[in-house]
Amino acid sequence: MTADGDSSLEEGSTFIHVRGPVGILSRFIRLKIPELLLQTDQLCTGGRLSLYSRVSFDYLVNRNHPIILILYLALLITCELLFLRATFLRISTFHQVLATCSALAPLVFTYLAVSSTSSTITAQNHHRKMRSYPYDHVLYHPGRSCSTCHFLKPARSKHCSICDVCVAKQDHHCVWIMNCVGQDNIVHFLGMLFSLSFVLIYGAYLAYTVLNQELQGYANAGEGQHWSTGLTWSQYAGCWSWALALDHRIGGVGLIALLTAPLALIMFGYHVYLIWAGTTTNESSKWSEWRSYIDEGLVYKLVGGTAKPSQSMCEPNFEPAVDWPIHSDQRLVRSEDGRPPVARPNGIDLNTNPDAPESSPAAGWKSVYGLHEIENLYDLGFWDNLKDVFYPA
């Protein structure tokens, strides 16, 4: 329901309730097919297949398992060994050294990212982690405890339900490394993405170079003349198909590298963007929630004024002093009905004490129309953000 009582499609609604061909097709795909599959399974196996499927899905999605890591390492190591064995004697000494080093780099960084546990918040390092970042009172608020770990949550931290620990400056849980990417191992994760992107691009380049030399030799082209001179596009493509089939180890691994390099580059580029923006994957999700509230006209901002944390929250144990280059006194409020906060005789806002008697709207609160109006306390500029990644507090 909207604020004025009119019915509307709620968030997360689908085409299931829509009339016409689209609704019929949606109901058939999302309701009828699963129902038929369950009935068939119940008839054939007594429901055991559905049970095993649910257990397997829960294990793959909600458990910290090594399956993806093992598959990733097996594919990477196998391709590297096949490729180096087939090309090592056909390339120069410089490329032999560079190829060997570039093949080892992703394995080293993967090991470092997997084995790192220093981002995990424990009783021994909790005091230090509490003083790594200040609370911005937008995404993170002081005085909130983790119901699982039973200690106050430092700013920028998050409890990972898969690892079952709180992680300092948690970015995301990565199934490729069977670990959370956090404050102290994000450098290793970035190194893994960069080295993986490099080895894929470099491998595709070496495959092209070696096969191109083979084609040049078979074509018996004249001096200074490329083997493809005078060929049509279909002939050119046919020659490359023949070359790929001629040495399937070089051709196959080269194609895999060429097709997967964009994925690694996109992941690396996305995390460079997050550094530039002074945020993390987890925080970008939180900012998306604020954006949706802003689009609905529910967010109000107060700079300065009296909207400060309570005295109990200002105690060092709740909100310790942090040596941070910038400060912000902004406060945000998400209204339930789109109206600005209302002042109370005792200074309490409507949003925090709805039973208090109403008064006039509180002064200083202004509507927020875009995320650009909200200060990101953790954005220090690209170079300082990068410094914070490589040399965390």
Protein backbone atom coordinates (compact mmCIF):
# COMPACT_ATOMS: atom_id res chain seq x y z
CA MET A 1 0.00 0.00 0.00
CA THR A 2 1.12 3.53 -0.72
CA ALA A 3 1.09 6.32 1.83
CA ASP A 4 -2.38 7.51 0.80
CA GLY A 5 -3.88 4.01 1.00
CA ASP A 6 -4.02 3.18 -2.74
CA SER A 7 -3.04 -0.35 -3.64
CA SER A 8 0.07 -0.82 -5.77
CA LEU A 9 2.48 -3.54 -6.75
CA GLU A 10 4.73 -4.14 -3.77
CA GLU A 11 8.46 -4.51 -4.04
CA GLY A 12 9.42 -8.00 -5.22
CA SER A 13 6.08 -8.58 -7.02
CA THR A 14 6.19 -10.46 -10.32
CA PHE A 15 4.03 -11.06 -13.36
CA ILE A 16 2.30 -13.96 -11.62
CA HIS A 17 -0.79 -11.85 -10.87
CA VAL A 18 -0.88 -10.18 -14.29
CA ARG A 19 -3.66 -11.21 -16.64
CA GLY A 20 -3.14 -12.16 -20.27
CA PRO A 21 -0.47 -14.23 -22.04
CA VAL A 22 2.40 -12.82 -19.95
CA GLY A 23 0.70 -13.77 -16.70
CA ILE A 24 -0.22 -17.24 -17.98
CA LEU A 25 3.36 -17.90 -19.11
CA SER A 26 4.77 -16.58 -15.83
CA ARG A 27 2.46 -18.74 -13.74
CA PHE A 28 3.30 -21.79 -15.86
CA ILE A 29 7.07 -21.30 -15.51
CA ARG A 30 7.19 -20.29 -11.86
CA LEU A 31 4.33 -22.34 -10.42
CA LYS A 32 3.20 -25.15 -12.70
CA ILE A 33 6.61 -26.50 -13.79
CA PRO A 34 7.99 -26.75 -10.19
CA GLU A 35 4.72 -28.39 -9.13
CA LEU A 36 4.97 -30.96 -11.94
CA LEU A 37 8.61 -31.68 -11.09
CA LEU A 38 7.76 -32.21 -7.43
CA GLN A 39 4.89 -34.52 -8.31
CA THR A 40 7.10 -36.53 -10.67
CA ASP A 41 9.83 -36.81 -8.03
CA GLN A 42 7.28 -37.88 -5.42
CA LEU A 43 5.96 -40.53 -7.77
CA CYS A 44 9.36 -41.88 -8.91
CA THR A 45 11.64 -41.50 -5.88
CA GLY A 46 9.31 -40.74 -3.01
CA GLY A 47 10.61 -37.15 -2.83
CA ARG A 48 14.23 -38.14 -2.25
CA LEU A 49 15.52 -36.25 -5.30
CA SER A 50 13.96 -32.99 -4.08
CA LEU A 51 15.42 -33.52 -0.63
CA TYR A 52 18.91 -34.20 -1.98
CA SER A 53 18.63 -31.20 -4.30
CA ARG A 54 17.71 -28.88 -1.41
CA VAL A 55 20.53 -30.23 0.74
CA SER A 56 23.05 -29.87 -2.11
CA PHE A 57 21.88 -26.35 -2.94
CA ASP A 58 22.11 -25.33 0.72
CA TYR A 59 25.64 -26.74 0.93
CA LEU A 60 26.80 -25.00 -2.25
CA VAL A 61 25.23 -21.63 -1.43
CA ASN A 62 25.23 -21.35 2.37
CA ARG A 63 28.27 -23.37 3.46
CA ASN A 64 31.96 -22.56 3.31
CA HIS A 65 33.10 -25.38 1.04
CA PRO A 66 36.24 -25.82 -1.12
CA ILE A 67 34.53 -27.12 -4.29
CA ILE A 68 34.71 -23.89 -6.30
CA LEU A 69 38.28 -23.22 -5.12
CA ILE A 70 39.39 -26.72 -6.11
CA LEU A 71 37.77 -26.44 -9.55
CA TYR A 72 39.31 -23.00 -10.11
CA LEU A 73 42.82 -24.14 -9.12
CA ALA A 74 42.53 -27.39 -11.09
CA LEU A 75 41.50 -25.54 -14.25
CA LEU A 76 44.16 -22.84 -13.82
CA ILE A 77 47.05 -25.21 -13.07
CA THR A 78 46.08 -27.68 -15.80
CA CYS A 79 45.84 -24.96 -18.45
CA GLU A 80 49.12 -23.39 -17.36
CA LEU A 81 50.99 -26.71 -17.47
CA LEU A 82 49.58 -27.68 -20.86
CA PHE A 83 50.32 -24.26 -22.32
CA LEU A 84 53.85 -23.88 -20.95
CA ARG A 85 54.81 -27.40 -22.03
CA ALA A 86 53.60 -26.73 -25.58
CA THR A 87 55.08 -23.23 -26.00
CA PHE A 88 58.15 -23.05 -23.75
CA LEU A 89 60.69 -24.00 -26.44
CA ARG A 90 59.02 -21.85 -29.10
CA ILE A 91 59.34 -18.51 -27.28
CA SER A 92 62.31 -16.32 -26.38
CA THR A 93 64.15 -16.44 -23.05
CA PHE A 94 62.45 -13.20 -21.99
CA HIS A 95 59.00 -14.69 -22.57
CA GLN A 96 60.03 -17.95 -20.89
CA VAL A 97 60.87 -16.06 -17.69
CA LEU A 98 57.83 -13.76 -17.91
CA ALA A 99 55.46 -16.64 -18.67
CA THR A 100 56.74 -18.65 -15.71
CA CYS A 101 56.43 -15.72 -13.29
CA SER A 102 53.00 -14.71 -14.56
CA ALA A 103 51.80 -18.32 -14.21
CA LEU A 104 52.93 -18.50 -10.57
CA ALA A 105 51.59 -15.07 -9.50
CA PRO A 106 47.84 -15.97 -9.40
CA LEU A 107 48.63 -19.09 -7.39
CA VAL A 108 50.68 -17.12 -4.84
CA PHE A 109 48.05 -14.40 -4.41
CA THR A 110 45.26 -16.98 -4.22
CA TYR A 111 47.10 -18.77 -1.42
CA LEU A 112 47.59 -15.49 0.47
CA ALA A 113 43.92 -14.51 0.06
CA VAL A 114 42.70 -17.95 1.15
CA SER A 115 44.98 -18.31 4.16
CA SER A 116 44.58 -14.79 5.56
CA THR A 117 42.52 -14.59 8.74
CA SER A 118 43.70 -11.26 10.14
CA SER A 119 40.52 -9.51 8.98
CA THR A 120 38.49 -11.67 11.37
CA ILE A 121 37.48 -9.72 14.47
CA THR A 122 38.39 -11.55 17.66
CA ALA A 123 38.53 -10.69 21.34
CA GLN A 124 42.27 -10.06 20.94
CA ASN A 125 42.01 -7.49 18.12
CA HIS A 126 38.54 -6.05 18.79
CA HIS A 127 39.92 -2.99 20.61
CA ARG A 128 42.14 -2.14 17.61
CA LYS A 129 39.46 -2.80 15.02
CA MET A 130 37.05 -0.50 16.87
CA ARG A 131 39.52 2.33 16.24
CA SER A 132 40.19 1.64 12.55
CA TYR A 133 37.29 3.70 11.17
CA PRO A 134 34.83 6.21 12.61
CA TYR A 135 31.09 5.67 12.57
CA ASP A 136 29.43 7.75 9.85
CA HIS A 137 25.93 7.58 11.44
CA VAL A 138 24.55 6.76 7.99
CA LEU A 139 25.63 3.22 7.15
CA TYR A 140 27.13 2.43 10.54
CA HIS A 141 25.97 3.46 13.99
CA PRO A 142 27.72 3.04 17.35
CA GLY A 143 26.48 0.81 20.12
CA ARG A 144 25.24 -2.04 17.93
CA SER A 145 26.33 -5.53 18.90
CA CYS A 146 26.69 -8.69 16.86
CA SER A 147 24.11 -11.18 18.14
CA THR A 148 26.39 -14.08 17.18
CA CYS A 149 29.85 -12.88 18.21
CA HIS A 150 28.54 -10.90 21.21
CA PHE A 151 30.68 -7.79 20.91
CA LEU A 152 30.18 -4.27 19.57
CA LYS A 153 30.37 -4.07 15.80
CA PRO A 154 33.21 -1.81 14.56
CA ALA A 155 32.43 0.65 11.79
CA ARG A 156 32.54 -0.92 8.30
CA SER A 157 32.43 -4.46 9.74
CA LYS A 158 29.90 -7.16 8.93
CA HIS A 159 29.09 -10.60 10.25
CA CYS A 160 29.46 -13.24 7.54
CA SER A 161 26.88 -15.99 7.94
CA ILE A 162 28.96 -18.37 5.81
CA CYS A 163 32.27 -17.89 7.66
CA ASP A 164 30.33 -17.34 10.92
CA VAL A 165 32.65 -14.53 12.01
CA CYS A 166 32.64 -10.74 12.01
CA VAL A 167 34.99 -9.31 9.38
CA ALA A 168 36.66 -5.90 9.55
CA LYS A 169 35.82 -3.71 6.53
CA GLN A 170 34.00 -6.64 4.99
CA ASP A 171 33.71 -6.37 1.22
CA HIS A 172 32.08 -9.69 0.35
CA HIS A 173 32.36 -13.41 0.85
CA CYS A 174 34.21 -14.88 -2.12
CA VAL A 175 33.57 -18.53 -3.00
CA TRP A 176 36.66 -18.53 -5.22
CA ILE A 177 38.95 -18.11 -2.21
CA MET A 178 36.65 -19.76 0.38
CA ASN A 179 37.11 -16.68 2.54
CA CYS A 180 35.78 -13.20 3.18
CA VAL A 181 37.49 -10.28 1.48
CA GLY A 182 38.18 -7.79 4.26
CA GLN A 183 40.46 -5.11 5.60
CA ASP A 184 43.67 -7.12 5.70
CA ASN A 185 43.41 -9.46 2.71
CA ILE A 186 41.83 -7.24 0.06
CA VAL A 187 45.35 -6.47 -1.23
CA HIS A 188 45.91 -10.18 -1.86
CA PHE A 189 42.48 -10.43 -3.52
CA LEU A 190 43.25 -7.48 -5.80
CA GLY A 191 46.63 -9.03 -6.58
CA MET A 192 44.89 -12.27 -7.51
CA LEU A 193 42.47 -10.48 -9.85
CA PHE A 194 45.22 -8.39 -11.46
CA SER A 195 47.65 -11.29 -11.92
CA LEU A 196 44.85 -13.50 -13.24
CA SER A 197 43.81 -10.80 -15.74
CA PHE A 198 47.43 -10.39 -16.83
CA VAL A 199 48.13 -14.11 -17.27
CA LEU A 200 44.93 -14.56 -19.31
CA ILE A 201 45.69 -11.65 -21.63
CA TYR A 202 49.35 -12.62 -21.88
CA GLY A 203 48.46 -16.27 -22.53
CA ALA A 204 46.09 -15.28 -25.35
CA TYR A 205 48.83 -13.08 -26.82
CA LEU A 206 51.44 -15.88 -26.68
CA ALA A 207 49.01 -18.34 -28.25
CA TYR A 208 48.37 -15.89 -31.09
CA THR A 209 52.12 -15.26 -31.55
CA VAL A 210 53.09 -18.95 -31.67
CA LEU A 211 50.24 -20.00 -33.96
CA ASN A 212 50.81 -16.99 -36.19
CA GLN A 213 54.44 -18.10 -36.60
CA GLU A 214 53.25 -21.59 -37.51
CA LEU A 215 50.92 -20.20 -40.17
CA GLN A 216 53.68 -17.97 -41.49
CA GLY A 217 55.93 -21.00 -41.91
CA TYR A 218 53.30 -23.16 -43.60
CA ALA A 219 52.28 -20.38 -46.00
CA ASN A 220 55.85 -19.91 -47.32
CA ALA A 221 55.12 -16.20 -47.64
CA GLY A 222 57.78 -14.01 -49.18
CA GLU A 223 60.12 -11.90 -47.09
CA GLY A 224 58.25 -9.08 -45.38
CA GLN A 225 54.90 -10.49 -46.49
CA HIS A 226 52.29 -11.68 -43.99
CA TRP A 227 50.74 -15.09 -44.59
CA SER A 228 47.22 -13.60 -44.72
CA THR A 229 47.96 -11.25 -47.60
CA GLY A 230 45.39 -11.65 -50.35
CA LEU A 231 43.07 -13.94 -48.39
CA THR A 232 39.35 -13.34 -48.03
CA TRP A 233 37.76 -13.18 -44.56
CA SER A 234 36.41 -16.70 -44.89
CA GLN A 235 39.83 -18.01 -45.95
CA TYR A 236 41.47 -16.13 -43.08
CA ALA A 237 39.04 -17.66 -40.58
CA GLY A 238 39.56 -21.10 -42.10
CA CYS A 239 43.32 -20.82 -41.68
CA TRP A 240 42.94 -19.94 -38.01
CA SER A 241 40.53 -22.84 -37.49
CA TRP A 242 43.14 -25.15 -38.99
CA ALA A 243 45.87 -23.66 -36.78
CA LEU A 244 43.78 -24.08 -33.63
CA ALA A 245 43.10 -27.70 -34.49
CA LEU A 246 46.74 -28.32 -35.42
CA ASP A 247 47.91 -27.78 -31.83
CA HIS A 248 44.87 -28.09 -29.60
CA ARG A 249 46.85 -27.45 -26.41
CA ILE A 250 47.93 -23.98 -27.51
CA GLY A 251 44.71 -23.27 -29.40
CA GLY A 252 42.37 -24.54 -26.67
CA VAL A 253 44.11 -22.82 -23.78
CA GLY A 254 44.48 -19.65 -25.84
CA LEU A 255 40.76 -19.59 -26.57
CA ILE A 256 39.91 -20.17 -22.91
CA ALA A 257 42.23 -17.31 -21.94
CA LEU A 258 40.76 -15.00 -24.58
CA LEU A 259 37.16 -15.71 -23.52
CA THR A 260 37.69 -15.51 -19.75
CA ALA A 261 40.04 -12.51 -19.65
CA PRO A 262 37.15 -9.98 -19.88
CA LEU A 263 35.52 -11.51 -16.78
CA ALA A 264 38.67 -11.12 -14.69
CA LEU A 265 39.22 -7.59 -16.04
CA ILE A 266 35.65 -6.59 -15.20
CA MET A 267 36.02 -7.89 -11.64
CA PHE A 268 39.33 -6.09 -11.19
CA GLY A 269 37.97 -2.89 -12.72
CA TYR A 270 34.91 -3.01 -10.46
CA HIS A 271 37.06 -3.20 -7.34
CA VAL A 272 39.25 -0.35 -8.59
CA TYR A 273 36.03 1.65 -8.99
CA LEU A 274 35.03 0.79 -5.40
CA ILE A 275 38.40 2.11 -4.20
CA TRP A 276 37.89 5.29 -6.21
CA ALA A 277 34.42 5.71 -4.68
CA GLY A 278 35.67 5.05 -1.13
CA THR A 279 33.29 2.18 -0.55
CA THR A 280 33.04 -1.62 -0.55
CA THR A 281 30.74 -4.16 -2.16
CA ASN A 282 28.82 -4.46 1.12
CA GLU A 283 28.54 -0.68 1.47
CA SER A 284 27.46 -0.22 -2.15
CA SER A 285 24.49 -2.44 -1.32
CA LYS A 286 23.69 -0.23 1.67
CA TRP A 287 23.95 2.89 -0.49
CA SER A 288 21.52 1.27 -2.95
CA GLU A 289 19.00 0.94 -0.13
CA TRP A 290 19.40 4.64 0.69
CA ARG A 291 18.95 5.46 -3.00
CA SER A 292 15.64 3.63 -3.07
CA TYR A 293 14.46 5.54 0.03
CA ILE A 294 15.57 8.81 -1.59
CA ASP A 295 13.62 7.97 -4.76
CA GLU A 296 10.54 7.47 -2.59
CA GLY A 297 11.05 10.88 -0.95
CA LEU A 298 11.58 9.45 2.54
CA VAL A 299 15.05 10.78 3.42
CA TYR A 300 15.79 14.00 5.30
CA LYS A 301 19.19 15.42 6.15
CA LEU A 302 20.36 17.64 9.01
CA VAL A 303 23.83 19.20 9.06
CA GLY A 304 24.90 20.36 12.51
CA GLY A 305 22.00 21.12 14.79
CA THR A 306 21.18 19.02 17.82
CA ALA A 307 20.71 15.62 16.24
CA LYS A 308 23.67 14.05 18.02
CA PRO A 309 24.05 10.58 19.50
CA SER A 310 22.88 10.05 23.03
CA GLN A 311 25.36 10.57 25.83
CA SER A 312 25.68 6.83 26.42
CA MET A 313 26.72 6.33 22.82
CA CYS A 314 29.48 8.89 23.14
CA GLU A 315 31.35 6.81 25.69
CA PRO A 316 34.73 5.53 24.43
CA ASN A 317 33.58 1.92 24.53
CA PHE A 318 30.67 2.67 22.20
CA GLU A 319 32.18 5.26 19.86
CA PRO A 320 35.94 5.55 20.41
CA ALA A 321 37.89 8.48 19.06
CA VAL A 322 39.41 7.69 15.66
CA ASP A 323 42.21 9.63 13.98
CA TRP A 324 40.45 10.17 10.66
CA PRO A 325 41.33 12.92 8.14
CA ILE A 326 37.78 14.18 7.61
CA HIS A 327 34.75 14.66 9.84
CA SER A 328 31.05 14.99 9.21
CA ASP A 329 28.20 16.22 11.38
CA GLN A 330 25.41 15.21 9.00
CA ARG A 331 22.49 13.13 10.24
CA LEU A 332 20.01 11.28 8.06
CA VAL A 333 16.48 10.21 8.89
CA ARG A 334 14.29 7.84 6.92
CA SER A 335 10.70 8.89 7.36
CA GLU A 336 7.97 6.29 7.31
CA ASP A 337 5.36 8.56 5.73
CA GLY A 338 7.45 11.08 3.78
CA ARG A 339 6.97 13.89 6.30
CA PRO A 340 9.95 15.67 7.88
CA PRO A 341 10.92 14.92 11.50
CA VAL A 342 8.77 16.65 14.10
CA ALA A 343 10.27 18.47 17.09
CA ARG A 344 9.14 17.47 20.58
CA PRO A 345 9.14 19.55 23.74
CA ASN A 346 11.87 17.32 25.14
CA GLY A 347 13.86 17.41 21.89
CA ILE A 348 12.96 13.88 20.77
CA ASP A 349 12.07 13.32 17.13
CA LEU A 350 8.93 11.60 15.92
CA ASN A 351 10.98 8.85 14.34
CA THR A 352 12.56 7.86 17.64
CA ASN A 353 9.53 8.38 19.92
CA PRO A 354 6.26 8.22 17.99
CA ASP A 355 4.16 8.31 21.17
CA ALA A 356 5.44 11.74 22.23
CA PRO A 357 3.04 14.68 21.70
CA GLU A 358 3.37 16.35 18.29
CA SER A 359 4.78 19.79 17.79
CA SER A 360 5.99 21.83 14.83
CA PRO A 361 8.38 20.33 12.24
CA ALA A 362 11.98 20.34 13.46
CA ALA A 363 14.09 23.09 11.97
CA GLY A 364 17.07 22.33 9.75
CA TRP A 365 15.85 19.09 8.20
CA LYS A 366 15.84 19.16 4.40
CA SER A 367 14.71 16.62 1.84
CA VAL A 368 17.44 14.66 0.07
CA TYR A 369 16.98 14.31 -3.69
CA GLY A 370 20.10 12.33 -4.58
CA LEU A 371 23.04 10.41 -3.14
CA HIS A 372 25.34 13.25 -4.21
CA GLU A 373 23.87 15.30 -1.36
CA ILE A 374 25.09 12.78 1.23
CA GLU A 375 28.70 12.87 2.37
CA ASN A 376 30.65 9.63 2.27
CA LEU A 377 32.89 9.85 5.33
CA TYR A 378 35.10 7.05 4.02
CA ASP A 379 35.90 8.66 0.66
CA LEU A 380 39.26 10.40 1.10
CA GLY A 381 40.03 10.70 -2.60
CA PHE A 382 41.40 7.97 -4.84
CA TRP A 383 45.05 8.04 -3.74
CA ASP A 384 44.24 8.19 -0.03
CA ASN A 385 41.63 5.46 -0.51
CA LEU A 386 44.29 3.36 -2.23
CA LYS A 387 46.70 4.06 0.60
CA ASP A 388 44.09 2.89 3.10
CA VAL A 389 43.76 -0.37 1.13
CA PHE A 390 47.49 -1.09 1.06
CA TYR A 391 48.24 0.27 4.55
CA PRO A 392 45.09 -0.27 6.65
CA ALA A 393 44.85 1.19 10.13
